C-alpha cells in the first residue's frame, strides 16, 4: 500500500500537492469529558466538509468514484471480498496514508457489508478501515465505498477504548462494550470475526427511518482495526448528519460535518477561524447533537437477547 501511494504521488501532481500540504496542517487537542479530541485545521477538506449531498445535487454531477469519471492520473489496486473493490489514493487526505476503497459497481452507500472491511484490515493490518453512512458524512452517498488510513492516526481512541469499556454482553463470538466515558455515543465490539450478532447490532440499533420502525442505515459510522488477532469495531449510531452550528450564520457558524474520523475524535476543520474558536463545550455540543443514544432504538432490547 505504501509503495502504491508513493507511485501515485509521483505521477499525480494534485494528490502530491495535497499530501505535501498535510505537513503544514496544524493540530491542537481539547479534553472533552476526559477524552482527548484532536482538532485538525485542514483547508484541503473544504470541498468534502461542505459537500452538497441532497438527491438533487447528486443527480446533477457525475459520480467521481466510478472509473470512467476519475482523473486520468488516478490508478487503482484491486481488492476483493464479498464484492469487487478498487483501492484508490484519496486526493484530499486527512491522514498521511489515506485511501478510498470503492466498489467496482455503482451501488448505494448503505449496502456496505462490514465483513468486507474485516477482509481489508486482515489483509492490511497496519491500517484502520472506516465507513460513513449515506447520511453521516459520505460525500459520495450514491457509490458504495469505505476508506482506510494508517492505524496510528487513530492512536488516541484506540488506546482510550481499552481503558474505559464496560461490558454490555459477552458471547462466544464477540464481546460488546459500552463506552460511557466518551463524549460521543459508541458501541465497541471485540471479536475474532464479524458475527451475525455484530451485523444485527450495526444494522439495526439505529434511529428509525422517517415514517416507520425500519432502522435508518444511513445513520451510522464504523471504524475497524485488527490487533493481536482480534477484530476491533467502533460503531457510532447517528441522530443527524450535521450540527446546528454548520447552518448558523455569521460568527455563530462552525463548518463541522462529522464523519467516522470526526466521531472517533479527530475533528476536521477546513476553516482557520473554526479551528481557533472551537472550545471543549462546543465539541461536546456537536457530539450531543449528532450522536444517537442507542438505548432509544426499538431494537436495542432485542439485540441484548440474541
C-alpha atoms as a PDB file:
ATOM      1  CA  UNK A   1       0.000   0.000   0.000  1.00  0.00           C
ATOM      2  CA  UNK A   2       2.796   2.396   0.855  1.00  0.00           C
ATOM      3  CA  UNK A   3       4.552   1.772  -2.459  1.00  0.00           C
ATOM      4  CA  UNK A   4       1.249   2.290  -4.306  1.00  0.00           C
ATOM      5  CA  UNK A   5       0.839   5.618  -2.521  1.00  0.00           C
ATOM      6  CA  UNK A   6       4.379   6.700  -3.430  1.00  0.00           C
ATOM      7  CA  UNK A   7       3.806   5.809  -7.084  1.00  0.00           C
ATOM      8  CA  UNK A   8       0.592   7.812  -7.195  1.00  0.00           C
ATOM      9  CA  UNK A   9       2.207  10.849  -5.585  1.00  0.00           C
ATOM     10  CA  UNK A  10       4.987  10.659  -8.156  1.00  0.00           C
ATOM     11  CA  UNK A  11       2.544  10.527 -11.089  1.00  0.00           C
ATOM     12  CA  UNK A  12      -0.366  12.655  -9.853  1.00  0.00           C
ATOM     13  CA  UNK A  13       0.524  16.309  -9.113  1.00  0.00           C
ATOM     14  CA  UNK A  14      -2.801  17.168  -7.436  1.00  0.00           C
ATOM     15  CA  UNK A  15      -2.530  14.313  -4.967  1.00  0.00           C
ATOM     16  CA  UNK A  16       1.158  15.070  -4.326  1.00  0.00           C
ATOM     17  CA  UNK A  17       0.343  18.716  -3.632  1.00  0.00           C
ATOM     18  CA  UNK A  18      -2.410  17.825  -1.160  1.00  0.00           C
ATOM     19  CA  UNK A  19      -0.401  15.159   0.662  1.00  0.00           C
ATOM     20  CA  UNK A  20       2.539  17.550   0.936  1.00  0.00           C
ATOM     21  CA  UNK A  21       0.140  20.133   2.375  1.00  0.00           C
ATOM     22  CA  UNK A  22      -0.528  17.771   5.301  1.00  0.00           C
ATOM     23  CA  UNK A  23       2.918  18.736   6.574  1.00  0.00           C
ATOM     24  CA  UNK A  24       1.564  22.260   7.114  1.00  0.00           C
ATOM     25  CA  UNK A  25      -1.663  21.139   8.777  1.00  0.00           C
ATOM     26  CA  UNK A  26      -1.855  22.307  12.369  1.00  0.00           C
ATOM     27  CA  UNK A  27      -3.477  20.439  15.239  1.00  0.00           C
ATOM     28  CA  UNK A  28      -4.397  21.085  18.840  1.00  0.00           C
ATOM     29  CA  UNK A  29      -6.118  18.956  21.451  1.00  0.00           C
ATOM     30  CA  UNK A  30      -9.162  19.698  23.576  1.00  0.00           C
ATOM     31  CA  UNK A  31     -10.043  17.478  26.517  1.00  0.00           C
ATOM     32  CA  UNK A  32     -13.760  16.687  26.413  1.00  0.00           C
ATOM     33  CA  UNK A  33     -15.083  14.610  29.324  1.00  0.00           C
ATOM     34  CA  UNK A  34     -11.553  13.332  29.875  1.00  0.00           C
ATOM     35  CA  UNK A  35     -11.113  12.262  26.238  1.00  0.00           C
ATOM     36  CA  UNK A  36      -8.509  13.996  24.025  1.00  0.00           C
ATOM     37  CA  UNK A  37     -10.249  15.313  20.881  1.00  0.00           C
ATOM     38  CA  UNK A  38      -7.727  16.335  18.241  1.00  0.00           C
ATOM     39  CA  UNK A  39      -8.642  19.337  16.095  1.00  0.00           C
ATOM     40  CA  UNK A  40      -7.097  19.349  12.621  1.00  0.00           C
ATOM     41  CA  UNK A  41      -7.126  22.541  10.563  1.00  0.00           C
ATOM     42  CA  UNK A  42      -7.140  21.097   7.041  1.00  0.00           C
ATOM     43  CA  UNK A  43      -8.098  23.598   4.292  1.00  0.00           C
ATOM     44  CA  UNK A  44      -7.912  20.858   1.658  1.00  0.00           C
ATOM     45  CA  UNK A  45     -11.044  19.241   3.086  1.00  0.00           C
ATOM     46  CA  UNK A  46     -13.325  22.213   2.422  1.00  0.00           C
ATOM     47  CA  UNK A  47     -14.970  20.504  -0.555  1.00  0.00           C
ATOM     48  CA  UNK A  48     -15.781  17.320   1.389  1.00  0.00           C
ATOM     49  CA  UNK A  49     -16.908  19.134   4.545  1.00  0.00           C
ATOM     50  CA  UNK A  50     -19.257  21.395   2.614  1.00  0.00           C
ATOM     51  CA  UNK A  51     -20.365  18.806   0.067  1.00  0.00           C
ATOM     52  CA  UNK A  52     -23.922  19.061  -1.204  1.00  0.00           C
ATOM     53  CA  UNK A  53     -25.375  15.594  -0.719  1.00  0.00           C
ATOM     54  CA  UNK A  54     -29.070  16.122  -1.426  1.00  0.00           C
ATOM     55  CA  UNK A  55     -30.604  13.801  -4.060  1.00  0.00           C
ATOM     56  CA  UNK A  56     -30.962  16.818  -6.362  1.00  0.00           C
ATOM     57  CA  UNK A  57     -27.277  17.744  -6.043  1.00  0.00           C
ATOM     58  CA  UNK A  58     -26.164  14.130  -6.525  1.00  0.00           C
ATOM     59  CA  UNK A  59     -28.268  13.779  -9.687  1.00  0.00           C
ATOM     60  CA  UNK A  60     -26.560  16.800 -11.255  1.00  0.00           C
ATOM     61  CA  UNK A  61     -22.968  15.573 -11.004  1.00  0.00           C
ATOM     62  CA  UNK A  62     -21.120  12.567 -12.405  1.00  0.00           C
ATOM     63  CA  UNK A  63     -20.092  10.001  -9.805  1.00  0.00           C
ATOM     64  CA  UNK A  64     -16.441  10.695  -9.045  1.00  0.00           C
ATOM     65  CA  UNK A  65     -15.900   7.119  -7.777  1.00  0.00           C
ATOM     66  CA  UNK A  66     -16.998   5.427 -10.997  1.00  0.00           C
ATOM     67  CA  UNK A  67     -13.953   4.521 -13.098  1.00  0.00           C
ATOM     68  CA  UNK A  68     -14.897   6.490 -16.260  1.00  0.00           C
ATOM     69  CA  UNK A  69     -15.217   9.722 -14.254  1.00  0.00           C
ATOM     70  CA  UNK A  70     -11.984   9.569 -12.266  1.00  0.00           C
ATOM     71  CA  UNK A  71      -8.958  11.771 -13.011  1.00  0.00           C
ATOM     72  CA  UNK A  72      -6.707  10.344 -15.680  1.00  0.00           C
ATOM     73  CA  UNK A  73      -3.790  10.070 -13.251  1.00  0.00           C
ATOM     74  CA  UNK A  74      -5.736   8.154 -10.602  1.00  0.00           C
ATOM     75  CA  UNK A  75      -4.761   4.492 -10.566  1.00  0.00           C
ATOM     76  CA  UNK A  76      -6.425   1.583  -8.761  1.00  0.00           C
ATOM     77  CA  UNK A  77      -5.333  -1.543  -6.917  1.00  0.00           C
ATOM     78  CA  UNK A  78      -7.905  -4.362  -6.991  1.00  0.00           C
ATOM     79  CA  UNK A  79      -9.318  -5.761  -3.749  1.00  0.00           C
ATOM     80  CA  UNK A  80     -11.975  -8.475  -3.493  1.00  0.00           C
ATOM     81  CA  UNK A  81     -14.157  -9.653  -0.631  1.00  0.00           C
ATOM     82  CA  UNK A  82     -17.904 -10.319  -0.962  1.00  0.00           C
ATOM     83  CA  UNK A  83     -17.753  -7.716  -3.755  1.00  0.00           C
ATOM     84  CA  UNK A  84     -15.035  -6.418  -6.019  1.00  0.00           C
ATOM     85  CA  UNK A  85     -13.449  -3.124  -4.989  1.00  0.00           C
ATOM     86  CA  UNK A  86     -10.684  -0.838  -6.158  1.00  0.00           C
ATOM     87  CA  UNK A  87      -8.292   0.826  -3.731  1.00  0.00           C
ATOM     88  CA  UNK A  88      -7.696   4.463  -4.675  1.00  0.00           C
ATOM     89  CA  UNK A  89      -5.434   7.103  -3.191  1.00  0.00           C
ATOM     90  CA  UNK A  90      -7.709   9.770  -1.713  1.00  0.00           C
ATOM     91  CA  UNK A  91      -6.526  13.036  -3.317  1.00  0.00           C
ATOM     92  CA  UNK A  92      -7.887  15.123  -0.414  1.00  0.00           C
ATOM     93  CA  UNK A  93      -6.235  13.384   2.540  1.00  0.00           C
ATOM     94  CA  UNK A  94      -6.817  13.644   6.249  1.00  0.00           C
ATOM     95  CA  UNK A  95      -4.079  11.188   7.269  1.00  0.00           C
ATOM     96  CA  UNK A  96      -0.525  10.647   5.933  1.00  0.00           C
ATOM     97  CA  UNK A  97      -1.818   7.471   4.289  1.00  0.00           C
ATOM     98  CA  UNK A  98      -5.416   7.841   3.153  1.00  0.00           C
ATOM     99  CA  UNK A  99      -7.206   5.551   0.702  1.00  0.00           C
ATOM    100  CA  UNK A 100     -10.728   5.106  -0.636  1.00  0.00           C
ATOM    101  CA  UNK A 101     -11.903   1.531  -1.241  1.00  0.00           C
ATOM    102  CA  UNK A 102     -14.656   1.860  -3.841  1.00  0.00           C
ATOM    103  CA  UNK A 103     -16.939  -0.892  -5.146  1.00  0.00           C
ATOM    104  CA  UNK A 104     -16.455  -1.501  -8.848  1.00  0.00           C
ATOM    105  CA  UNK A 105     -20.245  -1.401  -9.255  1.00  0.00           C
ATOM    106  CA  UNK A 106     -22.228   1.789  -8.747  1.00  0.00           C
ATOM    107  CA  UNK A 107     -24.193   0.697  -5.665  1.00  0.00           C
ATOM    108  CA  UNK A 108     -25.756   2.766  -2.890  1.00  0.00           C
ATOM    109  CA  UNK A 109     -23.539   3.567   0.078  1.00  0.00           C
ATOM    110  CA  UNK A 110     -25.805   1.898   2.629  1.00  0.00           C
ATOM    111  CA  UNK A 111     -25.273  -1.548   1.083  1.00  0.00           C
ATOM    112  CA  UNK A 112     -21.994  -1.939   2.973  1.00  0.00           C
ATOM    113  CA  UNK A 113     -21.011  -5.425   4.073  1.00  0.00           C
ATOM    114  CA  UNK A 114     -18.844  -4.921   7.134  1.00  0.00           C
ATOM    115  CA  UNK A 115     -17.179  -8.290   6.565  1.00  0.00           C
ATOM    116  CA  UNK A 116     -15.543  -6.623   3.543  1.00  0.00           C
ATOM    117  CA  UNK A 117     -13.964  -4.099   5.900  1.00  0.00           C
ATOM    118  CA  UNK A 118     -12.841  -7.043   8.026  1.00  0.00           C
ATOM    119  CA  UNK A 119     -11.214  -8.663   4.997  1.00  0.00           C
ATOM    120  CA  UNK A 120      -9.399  -5.412   4.282  1.00  0.00           C
ATOM    121  CA  UNK A 121      -7.911  -4.895   7.768  1.00  0.00           C
ATOM    122  CA  UNK A 122      -6.894  -8.548   7.922  1.00  0.00           C
ATOM    123  CA  UNK A 123      -5.086  -8.198   4.604  1.00  0.00           C
ATOM    124  CA  UNK A 124      -3.617  -4.830   5.577  1.00  0.00           C
ATOM    125  CA  UNK A 125      -3.191  -4.981   9.383  1.00  0.00           C
ATOM    126  CA  UNK A 126      -1.294  -1.673   9.594  1.00  0.00           C
ATOM    127  CA  UNK A 127      -4.448   0.184   8.518  1.00  0.00           C
ATOM    128  CA  UNK A 128      -7.796   1.066  10.045  1.00  0.00           C
ATOM    129  CA  UNK A 129     -10.893   0.975   7.830  1.00  0.00           C
ATOM    130  CA  UNK A 130     -13.699   3.480   8.317  1.00  0.00           C
ATOM    131  CA  UNK A 131     -17.142   3.965   6.838  1.00  0.00           C
ATOM    132  CA  UNK A 132     -19.615   6.828   6.608  1.00  0.00           C
ATOM    133  CA  UNK A 133     -23.303   6.107   6.138  1.00  0.00           C
ATOM    134  CA  UNK A 134     -25.107   7.942   3.360  1.00  0.00           C
ATOM    135  CA  UNK A 135     -26.465  10.492   5.864  1.00  0.00           C
ATOM    136  CA  UNK A 136     -23.461  10.522   8.174  1.00  0.00           C
ATOM    137  CA  UNK A 137     -20.577  12.113   6.347  1.00  0.00           C
ATOM    138  CA  UNK A 138     -20.346  10.351   2.995  1.00  0.00           C
ATOM    139  CA  UNK A 139     -19.612  12.872   0.232  1.00  0.00           C
ATOM    140  CA  UNK A 140     -20.456  10.155  -2.324  1.00  0.00           C
ATOM    141  CA  UNK A 141     -23.634   8.622  -0.832  1.00  0.00           C
ATOM    142  CA  UNK A 142     -24.537   7.218  -4.238  1.00  0.00           C
ATOM    143  CA  UNK A 143     -21.475   4.950  -4.578  1.00  0.00           C
ATOM    144  CA  UNK A 144     -20.550   2.187  -2.129  1.00  0.00           C
ATOM    145  CA  UNK A 145     -17.151   2.739  -0.541  1.00  0.00           C
ATOM    146  CA  UNK A 146     -15.223   2.767   2.689  1.00  0.00           C
ATOM    147  CA  UNK A 147     -11.895   4.391   3.488  1.00  0.00           C
ATOM    148  CA  UNK A 148      -8.635   3.478   5.176  1.00  0.00           C
ATOM    149  CA  UNK A 149      -5.819   5.275   6.952  1.00  0.00           C
ATOM    150  CA  UNK A 150      -2.671   4.349   8.820  1.00  0.00           C
ATOM    151  CA  UNK A 151      -3.790   2.847  12.121  1.00  0.00           C
ATOM    152  CA  UNK A 152      -1.579   5.045  14.292  1.00  0.00           C
ATOM    153  CA  UNK A 153      -3.520   8.104  13.085  1.00  0.00           C
ATOM    154  CA  UNK A 154      -6.271   6.963  15.494  1.00  0.00           C
ATOM    155  CA  UNK A 155      -3.967   6.205  18.384  1.00  0.00           C
ATOM    156  CA  UNK A 156      -5.926   8.268  20.939  1.00  0.00           C
ATOM    157  CA  UNK A 157      -9.218   6.406  20.622  1.00  0.00           C
ATOM    158  CA  UNK A 158      -7.580   3.011  20.097  1.00  0.00           C
ATOM    159  CA  UNK A 159      -5.736   3.476  23.404  1.00  0.00           C
ATOM    160  CA  UNK A 160      -8.728   5.000  25.184  1.00  0.00           C
ATOM    161  CA  UNK A 161     -11.344   2.360  24.433  1.00  0.00           C
ATOM    162  CA  UNK A 162      -9.307  -0.398  26.024  1.00  0.00           C
ATOM    163  CA  UNK A 163      -9.339   1.512  29.318  1.00  0.00           C
ATOM    164  CA  UNK A 164     -12.911   2.823  29.526  1.00  0.00           C
ATOM    165  CA  UNK A 165     -15.021  -0.020  28.157  1.00  0.00           C
ATOM    166  CA  UNK A 166     -17.916  -1.523  30.124  1.00  0.00           C
ATOM    167  CA  UNK A 167     -19.213  -4.945  29.107  1.00  0.00           C
ATOM    168  CA  UNK A 168     -22.786  -4.945  27.780  1.00  0.00           C
ATOM    169  CA  UNK A 169     -22.822  -8.542  26.658  1.00  0.00           C
ATOM    170  CA  UNK A 170     -20.359 -11.347  26.164  1.00  0.00           C
ATOM    171  CA  UNK A 171     -20.858 -14.249  23.776  1.00  0.00           C
ATOM    172  CA  UNK A 172     -18.521 -16.947  22.473  1.00  0.00           C
ATOM    173  CA  UNK A 173     -18.216 -14.982  19.220  1.00  0.00           C
ATOM    174  CA  UNK A 174     -17.908 -11.382  20.383  1.00  0.00           C
ATOM    175  CA  UNK A 175     -17.706  -9.098  23.370  1.00  0.00           C
ATOM    176  CA  UNK A 176     -19.882  -5.987  23.213  1.00  0.00           C
ATOM    177  CA  UNK A 177     -18.980  -2.928  25.247  1.00  0.00           C
ATOM    178  CA  UNK A 178     -20.417   0.461  26.118  1.00  0.00           C
ATOM    179  CA  UNK A 179     -18.015   3.405  26.282  1.00  0.00           C
ATOM    180  CA  UNK A 180     -19.636   5.716  28.851  1.00  0.00           C
ATOM    181  CA  UNK A 181     -16.577   7.951  29.265  1.00  0.00           C
ATOM    182  CA  UNK A 182     -16.517   9.045  25.627  1.00  0.00           C
ATOM    183  CA  UNK A 183     -18.247  12.315  24.689  1.00  0.00           C
ATOM    184  CA  UNK A 184     -19.861  10.610  21.687  1.00  0.00           C
ATOM    185  CA  UNK A 185     -22.243   7.632  21.687  1.00  0.00           C
ATOM    186  CA  UNK A 186     -20.470   4.459  20.610  1.00  0.00           C
ATOM    187  CA  UNK A 187     -20.621   0.685  20.927  1.00  0.00           C
ATOM    188  CA  UNK A 188     -17.367  -1.260  20.836  1.00  0.00           C
ATOM    189  CA  UNK A 189     -17.029  -4.853  19.606  1.00  0.00           C
ATOM    190  CA  UNK A 190     -14.057  -7.171  20.057  1.00  0.00           C
ATOM    191  CA  UNK A 191     -14.285 -10.439  18.134  1.00  0.00           C
ATOM    192  CA  UNK A 192     -12.317 -12.886  16.054  1.00  0.00           C
ATOM    193  CA  UNK A 193     -14.601 -12.185  13.097  1.00  0.00           C
ATOM    194  CA  UNK A 194     -17.767 -10.322  12.180  1.00  0.00           C
ATOM    195  CA  UNK A 195     -20.564 -12.485  13.561  1.00  0.00           C
ATOM    196  CA  UNK A 196     -24.289 -12.373  12.690  1.00  0.00           C
ATOM    197  CA  UNK A 197     -24.856 -10.786  16.092  1.00  0.00           C
ATOM    198  CA  UNK A 198     -22.406  -7.946  15.324  1.00  0.00           C
ATOM    199  CA  UNK A 199     -24.176  -7.430  11.996  1.00  0.00           C
ATOM    200  CA  UNK A 200     -27.527  -7.215  13.746  1.00  0.00           C
ATOM    201  CA  UNK A 201     -26.299  -4.509  16.106  1.00  0.00           C
ATOM    202  CA  UNK A 202     -24.686  -2.389  13.394  1.00  0.00           C
ATOM    203  CA  UNK A 203     -27.636  -2.796  11.010  1.00  0.00           C
ATOM    204  CA  UNK A 204     -30.464  -2.246  13.484  1.00  0.00           C
ATOM    205  CA  UNK A 205     -29.509  -0.392  16.680  1.00  0.00           C
ATOM    206  CA  UNK A 206     -30.152   2.905  14.920  1.00  0.00           C
ATOM    207  CA  UNK A 207     -32.793   5.619  14.733  1.00  0.00           C
ATOM    208  CA  UNK A 208     -35.888   4.653  12.774  1.00  0.00           C
ATOM    209  CA  UNK A 209     -36.277   5.850   9.218  1.00  0.00           C
ATOM    210  CA  UNK A 210     -38.901   8.515   8.768  1.00  0.00           C
ATOM    211  CA  UNK A 211     -42.438   7.160   8.843  1.00  0.00           C
ATOM    212  CA  UNK A 212     -41.817   3.758  10.393  1.00  0.00           C
ATOM    213  CA  UNK A 213     -39.723   1.448  12.553  1.00  0.00           C
ATOM    214  CA  UNK A 214     -37.238   0.398   9.871  1.00  0.00           C
ATOM    215  CA  UNK A 215     -33.694   1.253  11.048  1.00  0.00           C
ATOM    216  CA  UNK A 216     -32.147   4.062   9.003  1.00  0.00           C
ATOM    217  CA  UNK A 217     -28.873   2.506   7.890  1.00  0.00           C
ATOM    218  CA  UNK A 218     -27.661   5.807   6.503  1.00  0.00           C
ATOM    219  CA  UNK A 219     -27.235   6.984  10.101  1.00  0.00           C
ATOM    220  CA  UNK A 220     -24.058   5.216  11.198  1.00  0.00           C
ATOM    221  CA  UNK A 221     -20.285   5.391  11.174  1.00  0.00           C
ATOM    222  CA  UNK A 222     -17.912   2.472  11.606  1.00  0.00           C
ATOM    223  CA  UNK A 223     -14.201   2.296  12.430  1.00  0.00           C
ATOM    224  CA  UNK A 224     -12.394  -1.059  12.357  1.00  0.00           C
ATOM    225  CA  UNK A 225      -8.887  -2.307  13.006  1.00  0.00           C
ATOM    226  CA  UNK A 226      -7.077  -5.521  13.906  1.00  0.00           C
ATOM    227  CA  UNK A 227      -4.789  -6.073  16.869  1.00  0.00           C
ATOM    228  CA  UNK A 228      -3.156  -9.298  18.040  1.00  0.00           C
ATOM    229  CA  UNK A 229      -5.525 -11.468  16.029  1.00  0.00           C
ATOM    230  CA  UNK A 230      -8.650  -9.736  17.324  1.00  0.00           C
ATOM    231  CA  UNK A 231     -11.016  -7.580  15.307  1.00  0.00           C
ATOM    232  CA  UNK A 232     -11.956  -4.256  16.903  1.00  0.00           C
ATOM    233  CA  UNK A 233     -15.003  -2.331  15.707  1.00  0.00           C
ATOM    234  CA  UNK A 234     -16.375   1.024  16.852  1.00  0.00           C
ATOM    235  CA  UNK A 235     -19.996   1.653  15.901  1.00  0.00           C
ATOM    236  CA  UNK A 236     -21.344   5.212  16.101  1.00  0.00           C
ATOM    237  CA  UNK A 237     -25.149   5.450  15.663  1.00  0.00           C
ATOM    238  CA  UNK A 238     -26.089   8.900  14.413  1.00  0.00           C
ATOM    239  CA  UNK A 239     -29.029  11.186  15.144  1.00  0.00           C
ATOM    240  CA  UNK A 240     -28.241  13.738  12.422  1.00  0.00           C
ATOM    241  CA  UNK A 241     -25.701  14.469   9.735  1.00  0.00           C
ATOM    242  CA  UNK A 242     -24.634  17.997  10.624  1.00  0.00           C
ATOM    243  CA  UNK A 243     -24.936  20.012  13.850  1.00  0.00           C
ATOM    244  CA  UNK A 244     -26.904  23.250  14.012  1.00  0.00           C
ATOM    245  CA  UNK A 245     -23.703  25.314  14.021  1.00  0.00           C
ATOM    246  CA  UNK A 246     -23.000  24.164  10.453  1.00  0.00           C
ATOM    247  CA  UNK A 247     -26.078  26.059   9.266  1.00  0.00           C
ATOM    248  CA  UNK A 248     -25.742  29.077  11.566  1.00  0.00           C
ATOM    249  CA  UNK A 249     -24.934  32.497  10.159  1.00  0.00           C
ATOM    250  CA  UNK A 250     -22.121  34.908  10.882  1.00  0.00           C
ATOM    251  CA  UNK A 251     -19.856  34.342  13.873  1.00  0.00           C
ATOM    252  CA  UNK A 252     -22.083  31.528  15.164  1.00  0.00           C
ATOM    253  CA  UNK A 253     -21.262  29.262  12.224  1.00  0.00           C
ATOM    254  CA  UNK A 254     -18.812  26.399  12.644  1.00  0.00           C
ATOM    255  CA  UNK A 255     -18.174  24.414   9.479  1.00  0.00           C
ATOM    256  CA  UNK A 256     -18.225  20.942  11.048  1.00  0.00           C
ATOM    257  CA  UNK A 257     -19.655  17.956   9.173  1.00  0.00           C
ATOM    258  CA  UNK A 258     -18.790  14.851  11.203  1.00  0.00           C
ATOM    259  CA  UNK A 259     -17.838  11.607   9.530  1.00  0.00           C
ATOM    260  CA  UNK A 260     -16.278   8.498  11.030  1.00  0.00           C
ATOM    261  CA  UNK A 261     -12.906  10.059  11.865  1.00  0.00           C
ATOM    262  CA  UNK A 262     -14.582  13.060  13.499  1.00  0.00           C
ATOM    263  CA  UNK A 263     -16.706  10.693  15.583  1.00  0.00           C
ATOM    264  CA  UNK A 264     -13.504   8.850  16.523  1.00  0.00           C
ATOM    265  CA  UNK A 265     -12.072  12.031  17.990  1.00  0.00           C
ATOM    266  CA  UNK A 266     -10.290  13.768  15.094  1.00  0.00           C
ATOM    267  CA  UNK A 267     -12.364  16.827  14.173  1.00  0.00           C
ATOM    268  CA  UNK A 268     -11.571  18.075  10.674  1.00  0.00           C
ATOM    269  CA  UNK A 269     -11.866  21.854  10.385  1.00  0.00           C
ATOM    270  CA  UNK A 270     -11.195  23.375   6.946  1.00  0.00           C
ATOM    271  CA  UNK A 271     -11.568  26.986   8.177  1.00  0.00           C
ATOM    272  CA  UNK A 272      -8.945  28.515  10.440  1.00  0.00           C
ATOM    273  CA  UNK A 273     -11.492  30.637  12.312  1.00  0.00           C
ATOM    274  CA  UNK A 274     -13.337  27.489  13.412  1.00  0.00           C
ATOM    275  CA  UNK A 275     -10.074  25.847  14.468  1.00  0.00           C
ATOM    276  CA  UNK A 276      -9.150  28.921  16.534  1.00  0.00           C
ATOM    277  CA  UNK A 277     -12.525  29.453  18.218  1.00  0.00           C
ATOM    278  CA  UNK A 278     -13.747  25.946  18.957  1.00  0.00           C
ATOM    279  CA  UNK A 279     -13.990  25.131  22.672  1.00  0.00           C
ATOM    280  CA  UNK A 280     -14.453  21.891  24.586  1.00  0.00           C
ATOM    281  CA  UNK A 281     -18.048  22.946  25.275  1.00  0.00           C
ATOM    282  CA  UNK A 282     -18.614  23.446  21.526  1.00  0.00           C
ATOM    283  CA  UNK A 283     -17.258  19.982  20.790  1.00  0.00           C
ATOM    284  CA  UNK A 284     -19.419  18.414  23.480  1.00  0.00           C
ATOM    285  CA  UNK A 285     -22.471  20.140  21.991  1.00  0.00           C
ATOM    286  CA  UNK A 286     -21.644  18.860  18.494  1.00  0.00           C
ATOM    287  CA  UNK A 287     -21.312  15.273  19.697  1.00  0.00           C
ATOM    288  CA  UNK A 288     -24.531  15.557  21.720  1.00  0.00           C
ATOM    289  CA  UNK A 289     -26.417  16.747  18.625  1.00  0.00           C
ATOM    290  CA  UNK A 290     -25.167  14.230  16.085  1.00  0.00           C
ATOM    291  CA  UNK A 291     -24.973  11.126  18.299  1.00  0.00           C
ATOM    292  CA  UNK A 292     -27.939   8.779  18.667  1.00  0.00           C
ATOM    293  CA  UNK A 293     -28.482   7.340  22.137  1.00  0.00           C
ATOM    294  CA  UNK A 294     -28.526   3.668  21.140  1.00  0.00           C
ATOM    295  CA  UNK A 295     -30.709   2.552  24.065  1.00  0.00           C
ATOM    296  CA  UNK A 296     -33.529   4.536  22.437  1.00  0.00           C
ATOM    297  CA  UNK A 297     -33.512   2.164  19.477  1.00  0.00           C
ATOM    298  CA  UNK A 298     -36.524  -0.186  19.430  1.00  0.00           C
ATOM    299  CA  UNK A 299     -34.057  -2.939  18.538  1.00  0.00           C
ATOM    300  CA  UNK A 300     -31.693  -2.464  21.479  1.00  0.00           C
ATOM    301  CA  UNK A 301     -33.567  -4.812  23.832  1.00  0.00           C
ATOM    302  CA  UNK A 302     -33.793  -7.467  21.144  1.00  0.00           C
ATOM    303  CA  UNK A 303     -30.063  -7.149  20.421  1.00  0.00           C
ATOM    304  CA  UNK A 304     -29.349  -7.954  24.081  1.00  0.00           C
ATOM    305  CA  UNK A 305     -31.258 -11.242  23.810  1.00  0.00           C
ATOM    306  CA  UNK A 306     -29.512 -12.600  20.726  1.00  0.00           C
END
